[in-house]
Amino acid sequence: MAEVKIKRGESVDKAMRRLKKKMDKEGVMREIRAHRHFEKPSEKRRRKAARARLRAF
């Protein structure tokens, strides 16, 4: 779980930006979106293969 402590004199907006950056780096939001709906195993394999093809280039 991502955690950010607000430093003395730091604005909340700046702390939120740090939290969002940290969550993006850890892939938290991507994982939440992926689990939002059920995905059939065949769809998972198809998506994984497509991602592998993109990386191969």
Protein backbone atom coordinates (compact mmCIF):
# COMPACT_ATOMS: atom_id res chain seq x y z
CA MET A 1 0.00 0.00 0.00
CA ALA A 2 1.35 3.37 -1.01
CA GLU A 3 1.92 5.80 1.83
CA VAL A 4 3.08 9.40 1.78
CA LYS A 5 3.75 11.45 4.88
CA ILE A 6 3.22 15.17 4.62
CA LYS A 7 6.38 17.07 5.38
CA ARG A 8 6.35 20.17 7.56
CA GLY A 9 5.23 23.15 5.50
CA GLU A 10 4.28 21.02 2.49
CA SER A 11 0.97 21.68 0.78
CA VAL A 12 -1.61 18.93 0.50
CA ASP A 13 -1.62 19.32 -3.29
CA LYS A 14 2.09 18.56 -3.48
CA ALA A 15 1.67 15.51 -1.21
CA MET A 16 -1.21 14.27 -3.40
CA ARG A 17 1.01 14.62 -6.49
CA ARG A 18 3.72 12.53 -4.77
CA LEU A 19 1.13 9.90 -3.81
CA LYS A 20 -0.26 9.68 -7.35
CA LYS A 21 3.25 9.36 -8.78
CA LYS A 22 4.10 6.60 -6.30
CA MET A 23 0.86 4.71 -7.03
CA ASP A 24 1.47 4.99 -10.77
CA LYS A 25 4.98 3.62 -10.35
CA GLU A 26 3.69 0.65 -8.32
CA GLY A 27 0.88 -0.04 -10.81
CA VAL A 28 -1.89 0.18 -8.20
CA MET A 29 -4.44 1.94 -10.41
CA ARG A 30 -3.75 -0.37 -13.35
CA GLU A 31 -4.43 -3.38 -11.13
CA ILE A 32 -7.64 -1.87 -9.73
CA ARG A 33 -8.93 -1.18 -13.25
CA ALA A 34 -8.04 -4.73 -14.34
CA HIS A 35 -10.05 -6.23 -11.47
CA ARG A 36 -13.06 -3.98 -12.00
CA HIS A 37 -14.75 -6.58 -14.25
CA PHE A 38 -14.31 -10.32 -14.59
CA GLU A 39 -12.02 -11.30 -17.43
CA LYS A 40 -12.26 -14.73 -18.99
CA PRO A 41 -9.01 -16.74 -19.09
CA SER A 42 -9.06 -16.71 -22.91
CA GLU A 43 -9.32 -12.90 -22.91
CA LYS A 44 -6.44 -12.71 -20.43
CA ARG A 45 -4.26 -14.89 -22.70
CA ARG A 46 -5.20 -12.82 -25.76
CA ARG A 47 -4.33 -9.56 -23.98
CA LYS A 48 -1.05 -11.00 -22.69
CA ALA A 49 -0.06 -12.22 -26.19
CA ALA A 50 -0.89 -8.83 -27.72
CA ARG A 51 1.26 -7.07 -25.12
CA ALA A 52 4.13 -9.49 -25.84
CA ARG A 53 3.86 -8.79 -29.59
CA LEU A 54 4.10 -5.03 -28.92
CA ARG A 55 7.18 -5.49 -26.76
CA ALA A 56 8.89 -7.66 -29.39
CA PHE A 57 9.30 -4.70 -31.78
